[in-house]
Amino acid sequence: MSVAIDALGKISPWKEAWSIEAKILTIWEDATIVNENMQKLLHMVLMDKQHHKIQATVEDDLIAHFIDQLKEGEVFIIFDFKVIPNRGLVKVTRHRFRTLFKCSTSVVAAASTVIPNPGLSVTSMDQILQKCIDYEYLIGKFHFLEYEPL
């Protein structure tokens, strides 16, 4: 039995039975305060063969269930997840929606599928500070180098 795979660009809350095949481009943990309690979240940026991207989130109580399955750079078939609006201060993709894992979400490695890395571009700190680019969607890791003259 083969599962029909949906393009990430088509994902919306108006359908419930989505199945996606996507590569985890990046994965990170975050902590926020919700109702005076600390809540950990696991975030990912997923990309499909058409290079559509969407953010996926795993909430605190499900992180232990999924953390060992999810590997950055690997391709997975994921189904049975919730789709919610992509709102808030942290938007890491341009997609209108993001996915939210449920306890019934299934994650299966897609060993025979290769999704090449996208062409990434580096943005200078000056461009970020001057807001010359679409700064709402920047994501990455900052590395500072120390320079010592000889």
N, C-alpha and C. Protein backbone atom coordinates (compact mmCIF):
# COMPACT_ATOMS: atom_id res chain seq x y z
N MET A 1 0.84 -1.18 0.00
CA MET A 1 0.00 0.00 0.00
C MET A 1 0.89 1.24 0.00
N SER A 2 0.68 2.10 -0.97
CA SER A 2 1.46 3.34 -1.01
C SER A 2 0.59 4.51 -0.55
N VAL A 3 1.23 5.44 0.08
CA VAL A 3 0.54 6.60 0.63
C VAL A 3 0.69 7.76 -0.35
N ALA A 4 -0.40 8.46 -0.64
CA ALA A 4 -0.32 9.64 -1.50
C ALA A 4 0.39 10.74 -0.73
N ILE A 5 1.41 11.31 -1.34
CA ILE A 5 2.21 12.35 -0.70
C ILE A 5 1.72 13.71 -1.15
N ASP A 6 1.50 14.60 -0.20
CA ASP A 6 1.04 15.96 -0.49
C ASP A 6 2.22 16.92 -0.51
N ALA A 7 2.16 17.91 -1.39
CA ALA A 7 3.19 18.94 -1.45
C ALA A 7 3.04 19.88 -0.25
N LEU A 8 4.15 20.31 0.33
CA LEU A 8 4.10 21.21 1.48
C LEU A 8 3.39 22.52 1.13
N GLY A 9 3.50 22.95 -0.11
CA GLY A 9 2.85 24.19 -0.53
C GLY A 9 1.34 24.13 -0.47
N LYS A 10 0.76 22.93 -0.43
CA LYS A 10 -0.70 22.75 -0.39
C LYS A 10 -1.25 22.60 1.03
N ILE A 11 -0.39 22.45 2.02
CA ILE A 11 -0.83 22.19 3.40
C ILE A 11 -1.69 23.33 3.92
N SER A 12 -2.86 22.97 4.46
CA SER A 12 -3.78 23.95 5.06
C SER A 12 -4.63 23.25 6.11
N PRO A 13 -5.28 24.01 6.99
CA PRO A 13 -6.10 23.38 8.03
C PRO A 13 -7.44 22.85 7.52
N TRP A 14 -7.77 23.06 6.25
CA TRP A 14 -9.07 22.67 5.73
C TRP A 14 -9.14 21.22 5.30
N LYS A 15 -8.09 20.50 5.52
CA LYS A 15 -8.05 19.06 5.28
C LYS A 15 -7.34 18.45 6.49
N GLU A 16 -7.73 17.25 6.87
CA GLU A 16 -7.12 16.66 8.06
C GLU A 16 -6.10 15.57 7.75
N ALA A 17 -6.25 14.86 6.67
CA ALA A 17 -5.41 13.68 6.41
C ALA A 17 -4.26 14.01 5.47
N TRP A 18 -3.29 14.75 5.95
CA TRP A 18 -2.12 15.09 5.15
C TRP A 18 -1.04 14.03 5.33
N SER A 19 -0.31 13.76 4.25
CA SER A 19 0.89 12.91 4.29
C SER A 19 1.97 13.66 3.54
N ILE A 20 3.09 13.89 4.19
CA ILE A 20 4.17 14.65 3.55
C ILE A 20 5.46 13.85 3.57
N GLU A 21 6.29 14.12 2.58
CA GLU A 21 7.63 13.55 2.54
C GLU A 21 8.57 14.74 2.52
N ALA A 22 9.39 14.88 3.55
CA ALA A 22 10.19 16.09 3.68
C ALA A 22 11.51 15.81 4.38
N LYS A 23 12.46 16.66 4.08
CA LYS A 23 13.78 16.62 4.72
C LYS A 23 13.78 17.62 5.87
N ILE A 24 14.38 17.24 6.99
CA ILE A 24 14.55 18.17 8.10
C ILE A 24 15.80 19.00 7.81
N LEU A 25 15.58 20.27 7.47
CA LEU A 25 16.71 21.16 7.18
C LEU A 25 17.43 21.57 8.45
N THR A 26 16.66 21.89 9.47
CA THR A 26 17.26 22.28 10.75
C THR A 26 16.28 21.92 11.86
N ILE A 27 16.82 21.66 13.03
CA ILE A 27 16.00 21.29 14.18
C ILE A 27 16.61 21.94 15.42
N TRP A 28 15.76 22.51 16.28
CA TRP A 28 16.26 23.16 17.48
C TRP A 28 15.20 23.14 18.58
N GLU A 29 15.67 23.25 19.82
CA GLU A 29 14.76 23.32 20.97
C GLU A 29 14.63 24.76 21.42
N ASP A 30 13.49 25.06 21.98
CA ASP A 30 13.18 26.41 22.43
C ASP A 30 12.38 26.28 23.72
N ALA A 31 12.46 27.27 24.55
CA ALA A 31 11.67 27.28 25.78
C ALA A 31 10.93 28.60 25.88
N THR A 32 9.65 28.53 26.20
CA THR A 32 8.84 29.74 26.38
C THR A 32 8.06 29.62 27.67
N ILE A 33 7.60 30.75 28.16
CA ILE A 33 6.78 30.76 29.37
C ILE A 33 5.32 30.87 28.95
N VAL A 34 4.53 29.88 29.37
CA VAL A 34 3.11 29.84 29.07
C VAL A 34 2.37 29.71 30.39
N ASN A 35 1.53 30.69 30.70
CA ASN A 35 0.77 30.69 31.97
C ASN A 35 1.69 30.45 33.17
N GLU A 36 2.79 31.18 33.21
CA GLU A 36 3.77 31.13 34.29
C GLU A 36 4.51 29.80 34.40
N ASN A 37 4.38 28.93 33.41
CA ASN A 37 5.10 27.66 33.39
C ASN A 37 6.05 27.64 32.20
N MET A 38 7.21 27.04 32.39
CA MET A 38 8.18 26.91 31.31
C MET A 38 7.75 25.76 30.40
N GLN A 39 7.65 26.03 29.11
CA GLN A 39 7.27 25.01 28.14
C GLN A 39 8.38 24.87 27.10
N LYS A 40 8.88 23.65 26.94
CA LYS A 40 9.89 23.39 25.91
C LYS A 40 9.18 23.02 24.61
N LEU A 41 9.77 23.46 23.52
CA LEU A 41 9.25 23.14 22.20
C LEU A 41 10.41 22.66 21.33
N LEU A 42 10.11 21.74 20.44
CA LEU A 42 11.08 21.29 19.45
C LEU A 42 10.59 21.79 18.10
N HIS A 43 11.41 22.57 17.42
CA HIS A 43 11.03 23.15 16.12
C HIS A 43 11.88 22.55 15.02
N MET A 44 11.29 22.49 13.83
CA MET A 44 12.01 22.02 12.65
C MET A 44 11.58 22.84 11.45
N VAL A 45 12.47 22.96 10.48
CA VAL A 45 12.10 23.46 9.16
C VAL A 45 12.16 22.26 8.24
N LEU A 46 11.02 21.96 7.60
CA LEU A 46 10.91 20.84 6.68
C LEU A 46 10.89 21.35 5.25
N MET A 47 11.48 20.59 4.32
CA MET A 47 11.47 20.97 2.91
C MET A 47 11.17 19.74 2.06
N ASP A 48 10.27 19.91 1.06
CA ASP A 48 9.95 18.80 0.18
C ASP A 48 10.75 18.88 -1.13
N LYS A 49 10.46 17.97 -2.07
CA LYS A 49 11.21 17.90 -3.33
C LYS A 49 11.05 19.17 -4.17
N GLN A 50 9.94 19.87 -4.00
CA GLN A 50 9.71 21.11 -4.75
C GLN A 50 10.33 22.32 -4.05
N HIS A 51 11.06 22.08 -2.99
CA HIS A 51 11.72 23.11 -2.17
C HIS A 51 10.73 24.01 -1.44
N HIS A 52 9.49 23.54 -1.24
CA HIS A 52 8.56 24.24 -0.36
C HIS A 52 9.00 23.96 1.07
N LYS A 53 8.84 24.96 1.93
CA LYS A 53 9.26 24.80 3.33
C LYS A 53 8.09 25.10 4.26
N ILE A 54 8.10 24.42 5.40
CA ILE A 54 7.09 24.65 6.43
C ILE A 54 7.75 24.38 7.78
N GLN A 55 7.29 25.10 8.80
CA GLN A 55 7.78 24.87 10.15
C GLN A 55 6.95 23.78 10.80
N ALA A 56 7.61 22.90 11.54
CA ALA A 56 6.94 21.86 12.31
C ALA A 56 7.33 22.03 13.77
N THR A 57 6.38 21.79 14.66
CA THR A 57 6.62 21.96 16.09
C THR A 57 6.15 20.73 16.86
N VAL A 58 6.95 20.33 17.84
CA VAL A 58 6.59 19.26 18.76
C VAL A 58 6.54 19.89 20.14
N GLU A 59 5.39 19.76 20.81
CA GLU A 59 5.24 20.36 22.14
C GLU A 59 5.91 19.51 23.21
N ASP A 60 6.10 20.14 24.36
CA ASP A 60 6.86 19.61 25.49
C ASP A 60 6.54 18.15 25.82
N ASP A 61 5.27 17.82 25.96
CA ASP A 61 4.89 16.48 26.41
C ASP A 61 5.15 15.38 25.36
N LEU A 62 5.43 15.77 24.10
CA LEU A 62 5.68 14.78 23.05
C LEU A 62 7.14 14.73 22.60
N ILE A 63 7.96 15.63 23.10
CA ILE A 63 9.36 15.68 22.65
C ILE A 63 10.06 14.34 22.89
N ALA A 64 9.90 13.75 24.06
CA ALA A 64 10.57 12.48 24.37
C ALA A 64 10.14 11.37 23.41
N HIS A 65 8.91 11.43 22.94
CA HIS A 65 8.38 10.42 22.02
C HIS A 65 9.03 10.51 20.63
N PHE A 66 9.34 11.73 20.18
CA PHE A 66 9.84 11.93 18.82
C PHE A 66 11.33 12.23 18.70
N ILE A 67 11.98 12.67 19.76
CA ILE A 67 13.34 13.20 19.66
C ILE A 67 14.34 12.21 19.06
N ASP A 68 14.21 10.93 19.36
CA ASP A 68 15.17 9.95 18.85
C ASP A 68 14.92 9.58 17.38
N GLN A 69 13.72 9.86 16.87
CA GLN A 69 13.40 9.55 15.48
C GLN A 69 13.83 10.64 14.52
N LEU A 70 13.81 11.89 14.97
CA LEU A 70 14.01 13.04 14.09
C LEU A 70 15.48 13.40 13.99
N LYS A 71 16.01 13.36 12.78
CA LYS A 71 17.43 13.66 12.56
C LYS A 71 17.56 14.73 11.48
N GLU A 72 18.32 15.76 11.79
CA GLU A 72 18.58 16.82 10.82
C GLU A 72 19.27 16.25 9.59
N GLY A 73 18.80 16.66 8.41
CA GLY A 73 19.38 16.19 7.15
C GLY A 73 18.74 14.92 6.60
N GLU A 74 17.88 14.27 7.37
CA GLU A 74 17.23 13.04 6.94
C GLU A 74 15.86 13.34 6.34
N VAL A 75 15.36 12.41 5.51
CA VAL A 75 14.06 12.54 4.86
C VAL A 75 13.07 11.59 5.54
N PHE A 76 11.86 12.09 5.80
CA PHE A 76 10.84 11.31 6.49
C PHE A 76 9.49 11.45 5.80
N ILE A 77 8.66 10.43 5.96
CA ILE A 77 7.25 10.53 5.61
C ILE A 77 6.53 10.75 6.93
N ILE A 78 5.76 11.83 7.00
CA ILE A 78 5.08 12.23 8.23
C ILE A 78 3.60 12.35 7.93
N PHE A 79 2.77 11.73 8.77
CA PHE A 79 1.33 11.89 8.58
C PHE A 79 0.61 11.91 9.92
N ASP A 80 -0.62 12.39 9.86
CA ASP A 80 -1.49 12.58 11.03
C ASP A 80 -0.94 13.65 11.97
N PHE A 81 -0.94 14.88 11.50
CA PHE A 81 -0.50 16.02 12.29
C PHE A 81 -1.54 17.13 12.17
N LYS A 82 -1.47 18.07 13.05
CA LYS A 82 -2.38 19.21 13.06
C LYS A 82 -1.75 20.35 12.26
N VAL A 83 -2.57 21.15 11.59
CA VAL A 83 -2.10 22.31 10.84
C VAL A 83 -2.68 23.56 11.49
N ILE A 84 -1.80 24.49 11.86
CA ILE A 84 -2.23 25.72 12.55
C ILE A 84 -1.65 26.93 11.82
N PRO A 85 -2.23 28.12 12.04
CA PRO A 85 -1.68 29.33 11.40
C PRO A 85 -0.25 29.60 11.84
N ASN A 86 0.54 30.12 10.94
CA ASN A 86 1.93 30.47 11.22
C ASN A 86 1.95 31.91 11.75
N ARG A 87 1.69 32.05 13.03
CA ARG A 87 1.63 33.36 13.67
C ARG A 87 2.69 33.46 14.75
N GLY A 88 2.82 34.66 15.27
CA GLY A 88 3.74 34.87 16.38
C GLY A 88 4.96 35.64 15.96
N LEU A 89 5.84 35.84 16.91
CA LEU A 89 7.05 36.61 16.67
C LEU A 89 8.10 35.85 15.89
N VAL A 90 8.09 34.52 16.00
CA VAL A 90 9.11 33.72 15.35
C VAL A 90 8.50 32.97 14.17
N LYS A 91 8.72 33.49 12.97
CA LYS A 91 8.29 32.81 11.75
C LYS A 91 9.54 32.47 10.97
N VAL A 92 9.77 31.20 10.75
CA VAL A 92 11.00 30.81 10.07
C VAL A 92 10.77 30.37 8.63
N THR A 93 9.51 30.33 8.20
CA THR A 93 9.19 30.07 6.80
C THR A 93 8.12 31.05 6.36
N ARG A 94 7.95 31.17 5.06
CA ARG A 94 6.93 32.06 4.50
C ARG A 94 5.56 31.38 4.40
N HIS A 95 5.50 30.10 4.71
CA HIS A 95 4.25 29.35 4.62
C HIS A 95 3.21 29.98 5.54
N ARG A 96 1.96 30.01 5.11
CA ARG A 96 0.87 30.59 5.93
C ARG A 96 0.58 29.75 7.17
N PHE A 97 0.97 28.47 7.13
CA PHE A 97 0.65 27.55 8.21
C PHE A 97 1.90 26.84 8.70
N ARG A 98 1.77 26.18 9.84
CA ARG A 98 2.83 25.33 10.37
C ARG A 98 2.19 24.04 10.85
N THR A 99 2.99 23.00 11.01
CA THR A 99 2.45 21.73 11.47
C THR A 99 2.76 21.56 12.96
N LEU A 100 1.87 20.87 13.62
CA LEU A 100 2.00 20.59 15.04
C LEU A 100 1.83 19.08 15.22
N PHE A 101 2.85 18.42 15.74
CA PHE A 101 2.78 16.98 15.94
C PHE A 101 1.77 16.66 17.03
N LYS A 102 1.07 15.52 16.85
CA LYS A 102 0.13 14.99 17.84
C LYS A 102 0.69 13.66 18.34
N CYS A 103 0.09 13.11 19.38
CA CYS A 103 0.58 11.81 19.88
C CYS A 103 0.37 10.72 18.83
N SER A 104 -0.58 10.90 17.91
CA SER A 104 -0.83 9.91 16.86
C SER A 104 -0.04 10.17 15.58
N THR A 105 0.79 11.21 15.55
CA THR A 105 1.60 11.50 14.37
C THR A 105 2.59 10.36 14.13
N SER A 106 2.71 9.96 12.87
CA SER A 106 3.66 8.90 12.50
C SER A 106 4.81 9.51 11.72
N VAL A 107 6.02 9.08 12.05
CA VAL A 107 7.24 9.53 11.38
C VAL A 107 7.98 8.27 10.92
N VAL A 108 8.15 8.14 9.59
CA VAL A 108 8.80 6.96 9.02
C VAL A 108 9.95 7.43 8.14
N ALA A 109 11.12 6.86 8.33
CA ALA A 109 12.28 7.21 7.51
C ALA A 109 12.02 6.83 6.06
N ALA A 110 12.36 7.75 5.16
CA ALA A 110 12.21 7.50 3.72
C ALA A 110 13.61 7.28 3.16
N ALA A 111 14.14 6.10 3.37
CA ALA A 111 15.55 5.80 3.08
C ALA A 111 15.90 5.96 1.61
N SER A 112 14.97 5.66 0.70
CA SER A 112 15.32 5.70 -0.72
C SER A 112 15.12 7.08 -1.35
N THR A 113 14.64 8.03 -0.60
CA THR A 113 14.37 9.37 -1.14
C THR A 113 15.52 10.31 -0.83
N VAL A 114 15.93 11.05 -1.84
CA VAL A 114 16.97 12.06 -1.66
C VAL A 114 16.38 13.41 -2.01
N ILE A 115 16.47 14.34 -1.10
CA ILE A 115 16.06 15.72 -1.34
C ILE A 115 17.32 16.55 -1.19
N PRO A 116 17.80 17.14 -2.31
CA PRO A 116 19.05 17.89 -2.23
C PRO A 116 18.91 19.14 -1.37
N ASN A 117 20.03 19.57 -0.80
CA ASN A 117 20.02 20.80 -0.01
C ASN A 117 19.73 21.98 -0.91
N PRO A 118 18.98 22.95 -0.41
CA PRO A 118 18.70 24.13 -1.22
C PRO A 118 19.94 25.02 -1.28
N GLY A 119 19.95 25.90 -2.25
CA GLY A 119 21.02 26.89 -2.28
C GLY A 119 20.78 27.91 -1.20
N LEU A 120 21.60 27.93 -0.21
CA LEU A 120 21.44 28.88 0.89
C LEU A 120 22.27 30.12 0.61
N SER A 121 21.79 31.24 1.07
CA SER A 121 22.56 32.46 0.91
C SER A 121 22.88 33.03 2.28
N VAL A 122 24.02 33.64 2.38
CA VAL A 122 24.46 34.24 3.63
C VAL A 122 24.05 35.71 3.63
N THR A 123 23.50 36.15 4.74
CA THR A 123 23.09 37.54 4.89
C THR A 123 24.04 38.21 5.86
N SER A 124 24.52 39.38 5.48
CA SER A 124 25.47 40.08 6.35
C SER A 124 24.74 40.69 7.54
N MET A 125 25.48 40.93 8.60
CA MET A 125 24.92 41.55 9.79
C MET A 125 24.41 42.95 9.46
N ASP A 126 25.11 43.67 8.59
CA ASP A 126 24.65 45.01 8.19
C ASP A 126 23.28 44.95 7.53
N GLN A 127 23.06 43.97 6.65
CA GLN A 127 21.76 43.84 6.00
C GLN A 127 20.66 43.52 7.01
N ILE A 128 20.99 42.71 7.99
CA ILE A 128 20.00 42.37 9.02
C ILE A 128 19.65 43.61 9.84
N LEU A 129 20.66 44.33 10.30
CA LEU A 129 20.43 45.50 11.15
C LEU A 129 19.71 46.62 10.40
N GLN A 130 19.99 46.76 9.11
CA GLN A 130 19.35 47.80 8.32
C GLN A 130 18.00 47.36 7.77
N LYS A 131 17.62 46.12 8.02
CA LYS A 131 16.36 45.55 7.56
C LYS A 131 16.20 45.70 6.05
N CYS A 132 17.29 45.46 5.33
CA CYS A 132 17.30 45.55 3.87
C CYS A 132 16.64 44.34 3.22
N ILE A 133 16.55 43.26 3.94
CA ILE A 133 16.02 42.03 3.39
C ILE A 133 14.80 41.62 4.19
N ASP A 134 14.20 40.49 3.84
CA ASP A 134 12.99 40.01 4.50
C ASP A 134 13.37 39.42 5.85
N TYR A 135 13.69 40.28 6.81
CA TYR A 135 14.29 39.87 8.07
C TYR A 135 13.37 39.04 8.95
N GLU A 136 12.07 39.04 8.70
CA GLU A 136 11.16 38.25 9.54
C GLU A 136 11.42 36.75 9.41
N TYR A 137 12.06 36.33 8.33
CA TYR A 137 12.21 34.91 8.06
C TYR A 137 13.64 34.43 8.16
N LEU A 138 14.49 35.16 8.81
CA LEU A 138 15.88 34.74 8.97
C LEU A 138 16.00 33.65 10.02
N ILE A 139 16.83 32.69 9.75
CA ILE A 139 17.11 31.66 10.74
C ILE A 139 18.54 31.19 10.52
N GLY A 140 19.19 30.87 11.57
CA GLY A 140 20.56 30.39 11.44
C GLY A 140 21.27 30.44 12.75
N LYS A 141 22.54 30.21 12.66
CA LYS A 141 23.37 30.21 13.86
C LYS A 141 24.43 31.27 13.70
N PHE A 142 24.64 32.03 14.74
CA PHE A 142 25.66 33.07 14.70
C PHE A 142 26.97 32.50 15.22
N HIS A 143 28.01 32.77 14.50
CA HIS A 143 29.34 32.36 14.93
C HIS A 143 30.21 33.61 14.94
N PHE A 144 30.86 33.85 16.03
CA PHE A 144 31.73 35.01 16.15
C PHE A 144 33.18 34.54 16.14
N LEU A 145 33.96 35.17 15.31
CA LEU A 145 35.37 34.84 15.22
C LEU A 145 36.17 35.95 15.88
N GLU A 146 37.16 35.57 16.62
CA GLU A 146 38.04 36.56 17.23
C GLU A 146 39.26 36.73 16.36
N TYR A 147 39.64 37.96 16.18
CA TYR A 147 40.81 38.26 15.36
C TYR A 147 41.87 38.86 16.25
N GLU A 148 43.02 38.25 16.22
CA GLU A 148 44.15 38.77 16.98
C GLU A 148 45.28 39.06 16.01
N PRO A 149 45.72 40.32 15.93
CA PRO A 149 46.83 40.62 15.02
C PRO A 149 48.11 39.92 15.48
N LEU A 150 48.93 39.60 14.51
CA LEU A 150 50.20 38.92 14.82
C LEU A 150 51.19 39.83 15.48
